[in-house]
PDB file of N, CA and C in Angstrom:
ATOM      1  N   MET A   1     123.977  84.124 102.246  1.00  0.00           N
ATOM      2  CA  MET A   1     124.018  84.406 101.829  1.00  0.00           C
ATOM      3  C   MET A   1     125.158  85.480 102.119  1.00  0.00           C
ATOM      4  N   GLU A   2     125.202  86.774 102.152  1.00  0.00           N
ATOM      5  CA  GLU A   2     126.270  86.714 101.481  1.00  0.00           C
ATOM      6  C   GLU A   2     126.126  88.937 101.438  1.00  0.00           C
ATOM      7  N   ASN A   3     126.312  89.809 101.421  1.00  0.00           N
ATOM      8  CA  ASN A   3     126.925  91.365 101.893  1.00  0.00           C
ATOM      9  C   ASN A   3     125.198  91.270 101.104  1.00  0.00           C
ATOM     10  N   ILE A   4     123.560  91.021 102.207  1.00  0.00           N
ATOM     11  CA  ILE A   4     122.746  91.856 102.763  1.00  0.00           C
ATOM     12  C   ILE A   4     122.515  93.321 102.590  1.00  0.00           C
ATOM     13  N   PRO A   5     122.077  94.441 102.209  1.00  0.00           N
ATOM     14  CA  PRO A   5     121.750  95.693 102.767  1.00  0.00           C
ATOM     15  C   PRO A   5     120.814  95.635 103.225  1.00  0.00           C
ATOM     16  N   LEU A   6     120.747  96.594 104.328  1.00  0.00           N
ATOM     17  CA  LEU A   6     120.148  96.693 105.520  1.00  0.00           C
ATOM     18  C   LEU A   6     119.535  98.685 105.687  1.00  0.00           C
ATOM     19  N   ALA A   7     118.765  99.309 105.317  1.00  0.00           N
ATOM     20  CA  ALA A   7     117.945 100.121 106.441  1.00  0.00           C
ATOM     21  C   ALA A   7     118.257 100.037 107.657  1.00  0.00           C
ATOM     22  N   CYS A   8     119.008 100.317 108.674  1.00  0.00           N
ATOM     23  CA  CYS A   8     118.857 100.101 110.299  1.00  0.00           C
ATOM     24  C   CYS A   8     118.449 101.364 110.737  1.00  0.00           C
ATOM     25  N   SER A   9     118.071 101.770 111.390  1.00  0.00           N
ATOM     26  CA  SER A   9     116.993 102.695 112.007  1.00  0.00           C
ATOM     27  C   SER A   9     117.837 102.636 113.986  1.00  0.00           C
ATOM     28  N   VAL A  10     118.560 103.512 114.440  1.00  0.00           N
ATOM     29  CA  VAL A  10     120.294 103.127 115.539  1.00  0.00           C
ATOM     30  C   VAL A  10     119.779 104.399 116.300  1.00  0.00           C
ATOM     31  N   ALA A  11     118.806 104.860 117.883  1.00  0.00           N
ATOM     32  CA  ALA A  11     119.200 105.235 118.153  1.00  0.00           C
ATOM     33  C   ALA A  11     117.972 107.004 117.613  1.00  0.00           C
ATOM     34  N   ASP A  12     116.949 106.186 116.148  1.00  0.00           N
ATOM     35  CA  ASP A  12     116.169 107.356 115.955  1.00  0.00           C
ATOM     36  C   ASP A  12     117.164 107.734 114.601  1.00  0.00           C
ATOM     37  N   LYS A  13     117.937 106.990 113.621  1.00  0.00           N
ATOM     38  CA  LYS A  13     119.217 107.838 112.506  1.00  0.00           C
ATOM     39  C   LYS A  13     118.984 106.514 112.472  1.00  0.00           C
ATOM     40  N   LEU A  14     118.819 107.025 110.931  1.00  0.00           N
ATOM     41  CA  LEU A  14     118.913 106.749 109.619  1.00  0.00           C
ATOM     42  C   LEU A  14     120.239 106.042 109.482  1.00  0.00           C
ATOM     43  N   PHE A  15     121.109 104.398 109.524  1.00  0.00           N
ATOM     44  CA  PHE A  15     122.512 104.151 108.676  1.00  0.00           C
ATOM     45  C   PHE A  15     122.008 102.720 107.827  1.00  0.00           C
ATOM     46  N   HIS A  16     123.133 102.655 106.762  1.00  0.00           N
ATOM     47  CA  HIS A  16     123.163 101.989 105.875  1.00  0.00           C
ATOM     48  C   HIS A  16     123.875 101.295 105.667  1.00  0.00           C
ATOM     49  N   TYR A  17     123.461  99.785 107.047  1.00  0.00           N
ATOM     50  CA  TYR A  17     124.788  99.051 107.238  1.00  0.00           C
ATOM     51  C   TYR A  17     124.525  97.037 105.300  1.00  0.00           C
ATOM     52  N   VAL A  18     125.211  96.463 105.184  1.00  0.00           N
ATOM     53  CA  VAL A  18     125.453  95.081 104.534  1.00  0.00           C
ATOM     54  C   VAL A  18     125.878  94.426 105.381  1.00  0.00           C
ATOM     55  N   PHE A  19     125.460  93.034 105.896  1.00  0.00           N
ATOM     56  CA  PHE A  19     124.775  91.888 106.437  1.00  0.00           C
ATOM     57  C   PHE A  19     125.915  90.922 105.830  1.00  0.00           C
ATOM     58  N   SER A  20     126.309  90.662 105.901  1.00  0.00           N
ATOM     59  CA  SER A  20     126.938  89.232 106.305  1.00  0.00           C
ATOM     60  C   SER A  20     126.904  87.120 107.341  1.00  0.00           C
ATOM     61  N   VAL A  21     126.443  86.187 107.136  1.00  0.00           N
ATOM     62  CA  VAL A  21     127.243  84.956 108.069  1.00  0.00           C
ATOM     63  C   VAL A  21     128.220  85.448 108.767  1.00  0.00           C
ATOM     64  N   GLY A  22     127.965  85.113 110.271  1.00  0.00           N
ATOM     65  CA  GLY A  22     129.137  85.400 110.673  1.00  0.00           C
ATOM     66  C   GLY A  22     129.060  86.983 111.836  1.00  0.00           C
ATOM     67  N   ASP A  23     128.739  88.031 111.083  1.00  0.00           N
ATOM     68  CA  ASP A  23     129.225  89.736 111.631  1.00  0.00           C
ATOM     69  C   ASP A  23     128.359  89.620 112.829  1.00  0.00           C
ATOM     70  N   ARG A  24     129.054  89.840 114.026  1.00  0.00           N
ATOM     71  CA  ARG A  24     128.245  90.682 114.958  1.00  0.00           C
ATOM     72  C   ARG A  24     127.794  91.666 114.932  1.00  0.00           C
ATOM     73  N   VAL A  25     126.250  91.048 115.962  1.00  0.00           N
ATOM     74  CA  VAL A  25     124.975  92.447 115.970  1.00  0.00           C
ATOM     75  C   VAL A  25     124.847  92.451 116.841  1.00  0.00           C
ATOM     76  N   LYS A  26     124.232  93.838 116.816  1.00  0.00           N
ATOM     77  CA  LYS A  26     123.414  94.590 118.469  1.00  0.00           C
ATOM     78  C   LYS A  26     122.248  94.402 117.928  1.00  0.00           C
ATOM     79  N   PHE A  27     121.233  94.220 119.022  1.00  0.00           N
ATOM     80  CA  PHE A  27     119.722  94.689 118.804  1.00  0.00           C
ATOM     81  C   PHE A  27     119.313  95.964 119.495  1.00  0.00           C
ATOM     82  N   CYS A  28     118.796  96.491 118.663  1.00  0.00           N
ATOM     83  CA  CYS A  28     118.506  98.027 119.421  1.00  0.00           C
ATOM     84  C   CYS A  28     116.991  98.436 120.069  1.00  0.00           C
ATOM     85  N   ARG A  29     116.479  97.882 120.164  1.00  0.00           N
ATOM     86  CA  ARG A  29     115.564  98.035 121.065  1.00  0.00           C
ATOM     87  C   ARG A  29     114.683  97.036 121.458  1.00  0.00           C
ATOM     88  N   ASN A  30     113.856  97.003 122.687  1.00  0.00           N
ATOM     89  CA  ASN A  30     113.279  95.760 123.546  1.00  0.00           C
ATOM     90  C   ASN A  30     112.335  95.770 122.552  1.00  0.00           C
ATOM     91  N   ASP A  31     112.462  94.278 122.780  1.00  0.00           N
ATOM     92  CA  ASP A  31     111.655  93.109 121.860  1.00  0.00           C
ATOM     93  C   ASP A  31     111.283  92.326 122.961  1.00  0.00           C
ATOM     94  N   TYR A  32     110.710  91.777 123.854  1.00  0.00           N
ATOM     95  CA  TYR A  32     110.428  90.756 124.927  1.00  0.00           C
ATOM     96  C   TYR A  32     109.347  89.936 124.793  1.00  0.00           C
ATOM     97  N   ARG A  33     108.274  90.332 124.114  1.00  0.00           N
ATOM     98  CA  ARG A  33     107.319  89.838 123.672  1.00  0.00           C
ATOM     99  C   ARG A  33     107.503  88.722 122.233  1.00  0.00           C
ATOM    100  N   THR A  34     108.412  88.826 121.390  1.00  0.00           N
ATOM    101  CA  THR A  34     108.313  88.059 120.248  1.00  0.00           C
ATOM    102  C   THR A  34     110.129  87.077 120.075  1.00  0.00           C
ATOM    103  N   LEU A  35     110.858  88.270 120.346  1.00  0.00           N
ATOM    104  CA  LEU A  35     111.871  88.200 120.112  1.00  0.00           C
ATOM    105  C   LEU A  35     112.994  88.158 120.925  1.00  0.00           C
ATOM    106  N   ARG A  36     111.970  88.452 122.080  1.00  0.00           N
ATOM    107  CA  ARG A  36     112.494  88.152 123.436  1.00  0.00           C
ATOM    108  C   ARG A  36     114.214  88.654 123.719  1.00  0.00           C
ATOM    109  N   VAL A  37     114.254  89.869 123.279  1.00  0.00           N
ATOM    110  CA  VAL A  37     115.440  90.547 122.889  1.00  0.00           C
ATOM    111  C   VAL A  37     114.940  92.045 124.391  1.00  0.00           C
ATOM    112  N   ALA A  38     116.223  92.783 124.558  1.00  0.00           N
ATOM    113  CA  ALA A  38     116.505  93.867 125.176  1.00  0.00           C
ATOM    114  C   ALA A  38     117.430  94.511 124.197  1.00  0.00           C
ATOM    115  N   ASN A  39     117.059  95.753 124.411  1.00  0.00           N
ATOM    116  CA  ASN A  39     118.056  96.587 123.675  1.00  0.00           C
ATOM    117  C   ASN A  39     119.672  96.836 124.176  1.00  0.00           C
ATOM    118  N   GLY A  40     120.558  96.446 123.675  1.00  0.00           N
ATOM    119  CA  GLY A  40     122.051  96.211 123.772  1.00  0.00           C
ATOM    120  C   GLY A  40     121.967  94.330 123.944  1.00  0.00           C
ATOM    121  N   THR A  41     121.220  93.681 123.415  1.00  0.00           N
ATOM    122  CA  THR A  41     121.388  92.051 123.615  1.00  0.00           C
ATOM    123  C   THR A  41     122.363  92.053 122.176  1.00  0.00           C
ATOM    124  N   LEU A  42     123.164  90.572 122.016  1.00  0.00           N
ATOM    125  CA  LEU A  42     124.482  90.511 120.686  1.00  0.00           C
ATOM    126  C   LEU A  42     124.246  89.173 120.238  1.00  0.00           C
ATOM    127  N   GLY A  43     124.770  89.469 119.551  1.00  0.00           N
ATOM    128  CA  GLY A  43     124.303  87.417 118.508  1.00  0.00           C
ATOM    129  C   GLY A  43     125.275  87.798 117.832  1.00  0.00           C
ATOM    130  N   THR A  44     125.122  87.106 117.477  1.00  0.00           N
ATOM    131  CA  THR A  44     126.564  86.441 115.891  1.00  0.00           C
ATOM    132  C   THR A  44     125.224  86.038 114.950  1.00  0.00           C
ATOM    133  N   ILE A  45     125.293  86.508 113.381  1.00  0.00           N
ATOM    134  CA  ILE A  45     124.583  85.762 112.311  1.00  0.00           C
ATOM    135  C   ILE A  45     124.680  84.749 111.702  1.00  0.00           C
ATOM    136  N   LYS A  46     123.396  83.666 111.958  1.00  0.00           N
ATOM    137  CA  LYS A  46     124.054  82.490 111.450  1.00  0.00           C
ATOM    138  C   LYS A  46     123.072  81.720 109.532  1.00  0.00           C
ATOM    139  N   GLN A  47     122.180  82.883 109.670  1.00  0.00           N
ATOM    140  CA  GLN A  47     121.938  82.723 108.368  1.00  0.00           C
ATOM    141  C   GLN A  47     121.242  84.069 107.989  1.00  0.00           C
ATOM    142  N   ILE A  48     121.057  84.396 106.413  1.00  0.00           N
ATOM    143  CA  ILE A  48     120.917  84.936 105.824  1.00  0.00           C
ATOM    144  C   ILE A  48     120.333  85.620 104.292  1.00  0.00           C
ATOM    145  N   GLU A  49     118.975  85.604 103.800  1.00  0.00           N
ATOM    146  CA  GLU A  49     118.381  85.452 103.643  1.00  0.00           C
ATOM    147  C   GLU A  49     117.395  86.773 102.142  1.00  0.00           C
ATOM    148  N   SER A  50     117.844  87.093 101.267  1.00  0.00           N
ATOM    149  CA  SER A  50     116.765  87.547 100.873  1.00  0.00           C
ATOM    150  C   SER A  50     115.485  87.180 100.468  1.00  0.00           C
ATOM    151  N   ILE A  51     114.701  87.786 100.810  1.00  0.00           N
ATOM    152  CA  ILE A  51     112.994  87.076 100.498  1.00  0.00           C
ATOM    153  C   ILE A  51     111.935  87.975  99.813  1.00  0.00           C
ATOM    154  N   LYS A  52     111.472  88.204  98.910  1.00  0.00           N
ATOM    155  CA  LYS A  52     110.140  89.115  98.191  1.00  0.00           C
ATOM    156  C   LYS A  52     110.436  90.384  98.964  1.00  0.00           C
ATOM    157  N   ASN A  53     110.994  91.210  98.968  1.00  0.00           N
ATOM    158  CA  ASN A  53     111.093  92.894  99.541  1.00  0.00           C
ATOM    159  C   ASN A  53     110.902  92.361 101.074  1.00  0.00           C
ATOM    160  N   ASP A  54     112.263  91.521 101.514  1.00  0.00           N
ATOM    161  CA  ASP A  54     112.709  91.475 102.584  1.00  0.00           C
ATOM    162  C   ASP A  54     113.315  90.659 103.730  1.00  0.00           C
ATOM    163  N   THR A  55     113.888  90.179 103.896  1.00  0.00           N
ATOM    164  CA  THR A  55     115.421  89.558 105.016  1.00  0.00           C
ATOM    165  C   THR A  55     115.278  88.728 105.959  1.00  0.00           C
ATOM    166  N   LYS A  56     115.820  87.516 105.714  1.00  0.00           N
ATOM    167  CA  LYS A  56     114.834  86.950 106.757  1.00  0.00           C
ATOM    168  C   LYS A  56     115.794  86.846 107.571  1.00  0.00           C
ATOM    169  N   LEU A  57     116.446  86.751 108.595  1.00  0.00           N
ATOM    170  CA  LEU A  57     117.249  86.498 109.993  1.00  0.00           C
ATOM    171  C   LEU A  57     117.423  85.352 110.492  1.00  0.00           C
ATOM    172  N   ASN A  58     118.949  84.476 111.268  1.00  0.00           N
ATOM    173  CA  ASN A  58     118.783  83.869 112.055  1.00  0.00           C
ATOM    174  C   ASN A  58     120.051  84.408 112.692  1.00  0.00           C
ATOM    175  N   VAL A  59     119.205  84.391 114.130  1.00  0.00           N
ATOM    176  CA  VAL A  59     120.790  85.379 114.959  1.00  0.00           C
ATOM    177  C   VAL A  59     121.464  84.757 116.211  1.00  0.00           C
ATOM    178  N   LYS A  60     122.488  84.049 116.273  1.00  0.00           N
ATOM    179  CA  LYS A  60     122.683  82.857 117.580  1.00  0.00           C
ATOM    180  C   LYS A  60     122.873  84.343 118.500  1.00  0.00           C
ATOM    181  N   ILE A  61     121.893  84.015 119.634  1.00  0.00           N
ATOM    182  CA  ILE A  61     122.212  85.266 120.767  1.00  0.00           C
ATOM    183  C   ILE A  61     123.471  84.884 121.482  1.00  0.00           C
ATOM    184  N   ASP A  62     124.062  85.965 122.448  1.00  0.00           N
ATOM    185  CA  ASP A  62     125.045  85.560 123.233  1.00  0.00           C
ATOM    186  C   ASP A  62     125.310  84.621 124.244  1.00  0.00           C
ATOM    187  N   ASP A  63     123.401  84.688 124.422  1.00  0.00           N
ATOM    188  CA  ASP A  63     122.682  83.267 125.833  1.00  0.00           C
ATOM    189  C   ASP A  63     123.093  82.279 125.517  1.00  0.00           C
ATOM    190  N   ASN A  64     122.768  81.681 123.921  1.00  0.00           N
ATOM    191  CA  ASN A  64     122.840  80.689 123.388  1.00  0.00           C
ATOM    192  C   ASN A  64     122.045  80.140 122.581  1.00  0.00           C
ATOM    193  N   ARG A  65     120.924  80.680 122.145  1.00  0.00           N
ATOM    194  CA  ARG A  65     119.642  80.731 122.100  1.00  0.00           C
ATOM    195  C   ARG A  65     119.545  81.046 120.796  1.00  0.00           C
ATOM    196  N   THR A  66     118.525  80.852 119.583  1.00  0.00           N
ATOM    197  CA  THR A  66     118.750  81.647 118.697  1.00  0.00           C
ATOM    198  C   THR A  66     117.356  81.692 117.809  1.00  0.00           C
ATOM    199  N   ASP A  67     117.318  83.302 116.778  1.00  0.00           N
ATOM    200  CA  ASP A  67     115.679  83.963 117.055  1.00  0.00           C
ATOM    201  C   ASP A  67     115.480  84.105 115.760  1.00  0.00           C
ATOM    202  N   SER A  68     114.679  83.282 114.973  1.00  0.00           N
ATOM    203  CA  SER A  68     115.285  83.786 113.359  1.00  0.00           C
ATOM    204  C   SER A  68     114.224  84.397 113.226  1.00  0.00           C
ATOM    205  N   PHE A  69     114.002  85.658 112.612  1.00  0.00           N
ATOM    206  CA  PHE A  69     112.831  86.771 112.173  1.00  0.00           C
ATOM    207  C   PHE A  69     113.827  87.491 110.712  1.00  0.00           C
ATOM    208  N   LEU A  70     111.779  88.162 110.385  1.00  0.00           N
ATOM    209  CA  LEU A  70     111.840  88.883 109.385  1.00  0.00           C
ATOM    210  C   LEU A  70     111.960  90.543 110.203  1.00  0.00           C
ATOM    211  N   ALA A  71     113.100  90.219 109.193  1.00  0.00           N
ATOM    212  CA  ALA A  71     113.635  92.302 109.191  1.00  0.00           C
ATOM    213  C   ALA A  71     112.556  93.276 109.392  1.00  0.00           C
ATOM    214  N   SER A  72     111.455  93.604 108.346  1.00  0.00           N
ATOM    215  CA  SER A  72     110.204  93.855 108.452  1.00  0.00           C
ATOM    216  C   SER A  72     109.374  93.735 110.783  1.00  0.00           C
ATOM    217  N   GLU A  73     110.148  92.291 110.658  1.00  0.00           N
ATOM    218  CA  GLU A  73     109.239  92.252 112.467  1.00  0.00           C
ATOM    219  C   GLU A  73     110.299  93.398 113.595  1.00  0.00           C
ATOM    220  N   TYR A  74     110.794  93.273 112.912  1.00  0.00           N
ATOM    221  CA  TYR A  74     111.770  94.344 114.124  1.00  0.00           C
ATOM    222  C   TYR A  74     112.447  95.415 113.201  1.00  0.00           C
ATOM    223  N   SER A  75     111.172  95.953 112.870  1.00  0.00           N
ATOM    224  CA  SER A  75     112.208  97.272 112.533  1.00  0.00           C
ATOM    225  C   SER A  75     110.718  98.502 112.942  1.00  0.00           C
ATOM    226  N   ASP A  76     111.486  99.604 112.764  1.00  0.00           N
ATOM    227  CA  ASP A  76     110.290 100.602 112.953  1.00  0.00           C
ATOM    228  C   ASP A  76     110.805 101.811 111.379  1.00  0.00           C
ATOM    229  N   GLU A  77     109.976 102.758 111.680  1.00  0.00           N
ATOM    230  CA  GLU A  77     109.314 103.889 110.260  1.00  0.00           C
ATOM    231  C   GLU A  77     110.864 104.307 109.883  1.00  0.00           C
ATOM    232  N   ILE A  78     111.356 104.148 110.234  1.00  0.00           N
ATOM    233  CA  ILE A  78     112.789 103.903 110.028  1.00  0.00           C
ATOM    234  C   ILE A  78     113.663 103.084 109.711  1.00  0.00           C
ATOM    235  N   GLY A  79     114.104 102.495 109.799  1.00  0.00           N
ATOM    236  CA  GLY A  79     114.759 100.788 109.766  1.00  0.00           C
ATOM    237  C   GLY A  79     114.567 100.078 110.353  1.00  0.00           C
ATOM    238  N   VAL A  80     115.465  98.370 110.385  1.00  0.00           N
ATOM    239  CA  VAL A  80     116.026  97.648 111.296  1.00  0.00           C
ATOM    240  C   VAL A  80     115.913  97.945 112.750  1.00  0.00           C
ATOM    241  N   ASN A  81     116.163  97.492 113.725  1.00  0.00           N
ATOM    242  CA  ASN A  81     116.544  97.940 114.821  1.00  0.00           C
ATOM    243  C   ASN A  81     117.296  96.960 115.159  1.00  0.00           C
ATOM    244  N   LEU A  82     119.289  97.389 114.654  1.00  0.00           N
ATOM    245  CA  LEU A  82     119.672  95.723 113.871  1.00  0.00           C
ATOM    246  C   LEU A  82     120.711  96.873 113.744  1.00  0.00           C
ATOM    247  N   CYS A  83     122.687  97.179 114.484  1.00  0.00           N
ATOM    248  CA  CYS A  83     123.929  97.037 114.103  1.00  0.00           C
ATOM    249  C   CYS A  83     124.917  96.563 114.199  1.00  0.00           C
ATOM    250  N   HIS A  84     125.661  96.909 113.491  1.00  0.00           N
ATOM    251  CA  HIS A  84     127.261  96.215 113.698  1.00  0.00           C
ATOM    252  C   HIS A  84     128.067  96.382 115.359  1.00  0.00           C
ATOM    253  N   THR A  85     128.262  95.733 115.524  1.00  0.00           N
ATOM    254  CA  THR A  85     128.545  95.013 117.072  1.00  0.00           C
ATOM    255  C   THR A  85     130.294  94.152 117.336  1.00  0.00           C
ATOM    256  N   TYR A  86     130.715  94.826 116.170  1.00  0.00           N
ATOM    257  CA  TYR A  86     132.621  94.422 116.354  1.00  0.00           C
ATOM    258  C   TYR A  86     133.005  95.498 118.313  1.00  0.00           C
ATOM    259  N   THR A  87     132.926  96.443 117.724  1.00  0.00           N
ATOM    260  CA  THR A  87     132.817  96.796 119.067  1.00  0.00           C
ATOM    261  C   THR A  87     132.385  97.752 120.267  1.00  0.00           C
ATOM    262  N   LEU A  88     131.991  98.226 120.847  1.00  0.00           N
ATOM    263  CA  LEU A  88     131.019  98.981 122.179  1.00  0.00           C
ATOM    264  C   LEU A  88     131.694 100.573 122.670  1.00  0.00           C
ATOM    265  N   THR A  89     131.054 101.215 122.862  1.00  0.00           N
ATOM    266  CA  THR A  89     131.389 101.997 123.131  1.00  0.00           C
ATOM    267  C   THR A  89     130.936 102.099 124.452  1.00  0.00           C
ATOM    268  N   VAL A  90     131.760 102.826 126.089  1.00  0.00           N
ATOM    269  CA  VAL A  90     131.539 102.574 127.739  1.00  0.00           C
ATOM    270  C   VAL A  90     130.368 103.164 127.580  1.00  0.00           C
ATOM    271  N   PHE A  91     129.466 103.955 126.828  1.00  0.00           N
ATOM    272  CA  PHE A  91     128.232 103.608 127.465  1.00  0.00           C
ATOM    273  C   PHE A  91     127.185 102.814 127.292  1.00  0.00           C
ATOM    274  N   SER A  92     127.194 102.190 126.210  1.00  0.00           N
ATOM    275  CA  SER A  92     126.240 101.103 125.114  1.00  0.00           C
ATOM    276  C   SER A  92     126.856  99.685 125.622  1.00  0.00           C
ATOM    277  N   SER A  93     127.601  99.440 126.402  1.00  0.00           N
ATOM    278  CA  SER A  93     128.113  98.811 126.823  1.00  0.00           C
ATOM    279  C   SER A  93     127.620  97.965 128.458  1.00  0.00           C
ATOM    280  N   GLN A  94     127.558  99.473 128.964  1.00  0.00           N
ATOM    281  CA  GLN A  94     126.794  99.525 130.722  1.00  0.00           C
ATOM    282  C   GLN A  94     125.614  98.433 131.039  1.00  0.00           C
ATOM    283  N   GLY A  95     126.207  97.397 132.258  1.00  0.00           N
ATOM    284  CA  GLY A  95     124.918  96.355 132.084  1.00  0.00           C
ATOM    285  C   GLY A  95     125.278  95.039 131.107  1.00  0.00           C
ATOM    286  N   THR A  96     126.310  95.180 129.903  1.00  0.00           N
ATOM    287  CA  THR A  96     126.542  93.655 129.613  1.00  0.00           C
ATOM    288  C   THR A  96     127.875  92.913 129.668  1.00  0.00           C
ATOM    289  N   THR A  97     127.284  91.643 129.904  1.00  0.00           N
ATOM    290  CA  THR A  97     128.262  90.626 130.095  1.00  0.00           C
ATOM    291  C   THR A  97     129.151  89.903 128.757  1.00  0.00           C
ATOM    292  N   ILE A  98     131.089  89.715 129.320  1.00  0.00           N
ATOM    293  CA  ILE A  98     131.581  89.414 128.201  1.00  0.00           C
ATOM    294  C   ILE A  98     131.987  88.714 129.081  1.00  0.00           C
ATOM    295  N   ASN A  99     131.950  86.651 127.833  1.00  0.00           N
ATOM    296  CA  ASN A  99     132.788  85.758 128.225  1.00  0.00           C
ATOM    297  C   ASN A  99     133.681  85.914 127.840  1.00  0.00           C
ATOM    298  N   GLY A 100     135.512  85.934 128.050  1.00  0.00           N
ATOM    299  CA  GLY A 100     136.384  85.956 126.765  1.00  0.00           C
ATOM    300  C   GLY A 100     136.906  87.474 127.116  1.00  0.00           C
ATOM    301  N   ASN A 101     137.478  87.803 126.298  1.00  0.00           N
ATOM    302  CA  ASN A 101     138.537  89.319 126.465  1.00  0.00           C
ATOM    303  C   ASN A 101     137.671  90.571 126.545  1.00  0.00           C
ATOM    304  N   THR A 102     137.838  91.451 127.137  1.00  0.00           N
ATOM    305  CA  THR A 102     137.993  93.096 126.198  1.00  0.00           C
ATOM    306  C   THR A 102     139.243  93.652 126.583  1.00  0.00           C
ATOM    307  N   PHE A 103     138.930  94.316 125.884  1.00  0.00           N
ATOM    308  CA  PHE A 103     140.389  95.570 125.948  1.00  0.00           C
ATOM    309  C   PHE A 103     139.221  97.105 126.241  1.00  0.00           C
ATOM    310  N   THR A 104     140.429  97.878 127.324  1.00  0.00           N
ATOM    311  CA  THR A 104     139.524  99.177 126.650  1.00  0.00           C
ATOM    312  C   THR A 104     140.813 100.574 126.105  1.00  0.00           C
ATOM    313  N   LEU A 105     140.073 100.639 124.686  1.00  0.00           N
ATOM    314  CA  LEU A 105     141.137 101.914 124.456  1.00  0.00           C
ATOM    315  C   LEU A 105     140.550 103.244 124.722  1.00  0.00           C
TER     316      LEU A 105
END
């Protein structure tokens, strides 16, 4: 599916994003038990669909594993702990390993 709107919680602030297959995303909260992701983990949406008052996401993590989850399972009281990540600030990219090209502006 394309253009699925989600209310997202990033740094305790509400943002409204629209997600589609192929979007680059960043996980914005540690979840070591269920999804095995840390705050700042990067991935690409491989599948997304609306399901009865929820959204199911299938994300290929940059370490080559895939996680499937409901948005409600990775949310706090504000929204889903996920954001777009076509670019990163210097602060948010600290400790990130990137395979490929990087550019600094």
